[in-house]
């Protein structure tokens, strides 16, 4: 095993690892893509209570193809992603939320 070190990264067996403070900044707003039980996926501005999540400015992630889930998260405006704007808030019981991914405030809008 060989290793090379510098101030910004380390390379171990041809894989470069970058310092955490040099990585892309995480989303700082309150918008998230929320994956819900039974395959539903929504994105919206999140308000949480003890029992549920309420999403506003909602888009339904209807489908994506050929780019994978991560590609859809990274590029929601791709021609391979079908987002459908919703005109109402969506309330999701916390027990139905599988996971949520924080995204930029303008994701899917």
C-alpha atoms as a PDB file:
ATOM      1  CA  UNK A   1       0.000   0.000   0.000  1.00  0.00           C
ATOM      2  CA  UNK A   2       1.321   3.437  -0.919  1.00  0.00           C
ATOM      3  CA  UNK A   3       0.154   6.767   0.437  1.00  0.00           C
ATOM      4  CA  UNK A   4       0.807  10.355  -0.652  1.00  0.00           C
ATOM      5  CA  UNK A   5      -0.048  13.267   1.632  1.00  0.00           C
ATOM      6  CA  UNK A   6      -0.553  16.965   1.051  1.00  0.00           C
ATOM      7  CA  UNK A   7      -2.499  19.669   2.836  1.00  0.00           C
ATOM      8  CA  UNK A   8      -5.717  19.128   0.871  1.00  0.00           C
ATOM      9  CA  UNK A   9      -6.022  15.382   0.325  1.00  0.00           C
ATOM     10  CA  UNK A  10      -4.570  11.914   0.759  1.00  0.00           C
ATOM     11  CA  UNK A  11      -4.254   9.259  -1.954  1.00  0.00           C
ATOM     12  CA  UNK A  12      -4.439   5.634  -0.842  1.00  0.00           C
ATOM     13  CA  UNK A  13      -4.224   2.926  -3.474  1.00  0.00           C
ATOM     14  CA  UNK A  14      -5.245   5.305  -6.271  1.00  0.00           C
ATOM     15  CA  UNK A  15      -8.262   6.708  -4.403  1.00  0.00           C
ATOM     16  CA  UNK A  16      -8.142  10.384  -3.439  1.00  0.00           C
ATOM     17  CA  UNK A  17      -9.749  11.429  -0.151  1.00  0.00           C
ATOM     18  CA  UNK A  18     -10.404  15.160   0.286  1.00  0.00           C
ATOM     19  CA  UNK A  19     -10.521  17.115   3.556  1.00  0.00           C
ATOM     20  CA  UNK A  20     -14.081  17.583   4.764  1.00  0.00           C
ATOM     21  CA  UNK A  21     -13.796  21.366   4.868  1.00  0.00           C
ATOM     22  CA  UNK A  22     -12.960  21.394   1.140  1.00  0.00           C
ATOM     23  CA  UNK A  23     -16.025  19.385   0.129  1.00  0.00           C
ATOM     24  CA  UNK A  24     -19.123  20.963  -1.355  1.00  0.00           C
ATOM     25  CA  UNK A  25     -21.188  22.775   1.256  1.00  0.00           C
ATOM     26  CA  UNK A  26     -24.305  21.039   2.493  1.00  0.00           C
ATOM     27  CA  UNK A  27     -27.718  22.533   1.898  1.00  0.00           C
ATOM     28  CA  UNK A  28     -28.444  25.140   4.549  1.00  0.00           C
ATOM     29  CA  UNK A  29     -32.167  25.781   4.035  1.00  0.00           C
ATOM     30  CA  UNK A  30     -35.139  23.723   5.113  1.00  0.00           C
ATOM     31  CA  UNK A  31     -35.927  22.065   1.774  1.00  0.00           C
ATOM     32  CA  UNK A  32     -35.594  18.292   1.457  1.00  0.00           C
ATOM     33  CA  UNK A  33     -36.343  15.363  -0.807  1.00  0.00           C
ATOM     34  CA  UNK A  34     -38.446  13.015   1.318  1.00  0.00           C
ATOM     35  CA  UNK A  35     -38.797   9.322   0.500  1.00  0.00           C
ATOM     36  CA  UNK A  36     -42.026   7.946   1.903  1.00  0.00           C
ATOM     37  CA  UNK A  37     -43.353   4.437   2.483  1.00  0.00           C
ATOM     38  CA  UNK A  38     -44.788   2.728  -0.607  1.00  0.00           C
ATOM     39  CA  UNK A  39     -42.445   4.505  -3.013  1.00  0.00           C
ATOM     40  CA  UNK A  40     -43.699   8.082  -2.886  1.00  0.00           C
ATOM     41  CA  UNK A  41     -41.037  10.783  -3.230  1.00  0.00           C
ATOM     42  CA  UNK A  42     -41.684  14.470  -2.624  1.00  0.00           C
ATOM     43  CA  UNK A  43     -39.541  17.565  -2.269  1.00  0.00           C
ATOM     44  CA  UNK A  44     -40.542  20.664  -0.372  1.00  0.00           C
ATOM     45  CA  UNK A  45     -39.864  23.110   2.403  1.00  0.00           C
ATOM     46  CA  UNK A  46     -40.046  21.125   5.626  1.00  0.00           C
ATOM     47  CA  UNK A  47     -41.852  21.941   8.856  1.00  0.00           C
ATOM     48  CA  UNK A  48     -41.715  19.228  11.521  1.00  0.00           C
ATOM     49  CA  UNK A  49     -43.913  18.450  14.476  1.00  0.00           C
ATOM     50  CA  UNK A  50     -43.732  15.471  16.812  1.00  0.00           C
ATOM     51  CA  UNK A  51     -46.170  13.532  14.621  1.00  0.00           C
ATOM     52  CA  UNK A  52     -45.677  14.662  11.029  1.00  0.00           C
ATOM     53  CA  UNK A  53     -43.728  16.544   8.384  1.00  0.00           C
ATOM     54  CA  UNK A  54     -45.522  19.235   6.407  1.00  0.00           C
ATOM     55  CA  UNK A  55     -44.086  20.136   3.010  1.00  0.00           C
ATOM     56  CA  UNK A  56     -44.820  23.405   1.222  1.00  0.00           C
ATOM     57  CA  UNK A  57     -43.785  24.456  -2.299  1.00  0.00           C
ATOM     58  CA  UNK A  58     -44.073  20.763  -3.101  1.00  0.00           C
ATOM     59  CA  UNK A  59     -42.958  18.839  -6.160  1.00  0.00           C
ATOM     60  CA  UNK A  60     -43.733  15.175  -6.635  1.00  0.00           C
ATOM     61  CA  UNK A  61     -40.785  13.219  -8.008  1.00  0.00           C
ATOM     62  CA  UNK A  62     -42.898  11.271 -10.471  1.00  0.00           C
ATOM     63  CA  UNK A  63     -40.085   9.370 -12.173  1.00  0.00           C
ATOM     64  CA  UNK A  64     -36.485   9.444 -13.385  1.00  0.00           C
ATOM     65  CA  UNK A  65     -34.587   7.251 -15.797  1.00  0.00           C
ATOM     66  CA  UNK A  66     -31.024   6.412 -16.789  1.00  0.00           C
ATOM     67  CA  UNK A  67     -29.365   8.597 -14.124  1.00  0.00           C
ATOM     68  CA  UNK A  68     -30.089   6.817 -10.846  1.00  0.00           C
ATOM     69  CA  UNK A  69     -31.375   8.279  -7.613  1.00  0.00           C
ATOM     70  CA  UNK A  70     -28.167  10.212  -6.944  1.00  0.00           C
ATOM     71  CA  UNK A  71     -28.253  11.694 -10.455  1.00  0.00           C
ATOM     72  CA  UNK A  72     -31.838  12.834  -9.870  1.00  0.00           C
ATOM     73  CA  UNK A  73     -30.813  14.507  -6.600  1.00  0.00           C
ATOM     74  CA  UNK A  74     -27.804  16.181  -8.251  1.00  0.00           C
ATOM     75  CA  UNK A  75     -29.646  17.351 -11.362  1.00  0.00           C
ATOM     76  CA  UNK A  76     -33.421  17.632 -10.896  1.00  0.00           C
ATOM     77  CA  UNK A  77     -33.771  19.694 -14.093  1.00  0.00           C
ATOM     78  CA  UNK A  78     -32.389  16.882 -16.255  1.00  0.00           C
ATOM     79  CA  UNK A  79     -34.560  15.713 -19.147  1.00  0.00           C
ATOM     80  CA  UNK A  80     -34.444  12.311 -17.427  1.00  0.00           C
ATOM     81  CA  UNK A  81     -36.322  13.605 -14.376  1.00  0.00           C
ATOM     82  CA  UNK A  82     -40.089  14.153 -14.270  1.00  0.00           C
ATOM     83  CA  UNK A  83     -41.098  16.500 -11.434  1.00  0.00           C
ATOM     84  CA  UNK A  84     -44.716  17.528 -11.012  1.00  0.00           C
ATOM     85  CA  UNK A  85     -45.581  20.699  -9.113  1.00  0.00           C
ATOM     86  CA  UNK A  86     -48.297  20.363  -6.499  1.00  0.00           C
ATOM     87  CA  UNK A  87     -50.522  23.270  -5.528  1.00  0.00           C
ATOM     88  CA  UNK A  88     -51.152  22.131  -1.972  1.00  0.00           C
ATOM     89  CA  UNK A  89     -49.141  21.237   1.103  1.00  0.00           C
ATOM     90  CA  UNK A  90     -48.362  17.598   1.816  1.00  0.00           C
ATOM     91  CA  UNK A  91     -48.567  16.202   5.343  1.00  0.00           C
ATOM     92  CA  UNK A  92     -46.606  13.004   5.969  1.00  0.00           C
ATOM     93  CA  UNK A  93     -46.785  11.005   9.223  1.00  0.00           C
ATOM     94  CA  UNK A  94     -43.264  10.611  10.644  1.00  0.00           C
ATOM     95  CA  UNK A  95     -43.725   6.850  10.803  1.00  0.00           C
ATOM     96  CA  UNK A  96     -44.082   6.817   6.985  1.00  0.00           C
ATOM     97  CA  UNK A  97     -40.829   8.685   6.284  1.00  0.00           C
ATOM     98  CA  UNK A  98     -38.059   6.336   5.173  1.00  0.00           C
ATOM     99  CA  UNK A  99     -35.400   9.060   4.805  1.00  0.00           C
ATOM    100  CA  UNK A 100     -34.954  12.693   3.802  1.00  0.00           C
ATOM    101  CA  UNK A 101     -32.109  14.364   1.921  1.00  0.00           C
ATOM    102  CA  UNK A 102     -31.475  18.086   2.500  1.00  0.00           C
ATOM    103  CA  UNK A 103     -31.301  19.990  -0.794  1.00  0.00           C
ATOM    104  CA  UNK A 104     -30.883  23.596  -1.913  1.00  0.00           C
ATOM    105  CA  UNK A 105     -33.803  25.989  -1.419  1.00  0.00           C
ATOM    106  CA  UNK A 106     -34.560  26.069  -5.145  1.00  0.00           C
ATOM    107  CA  UNK A 107     -34.410  22.291  -5.732  1.00  0.00           C
ATOM    108  CA  UNK A 108     -37.072  21.253  -8.225  1.00  0.00           C
ATOM    109  CA  UNK A 109     -38.619  24.721  -8.466  1.00  0.00           C
END
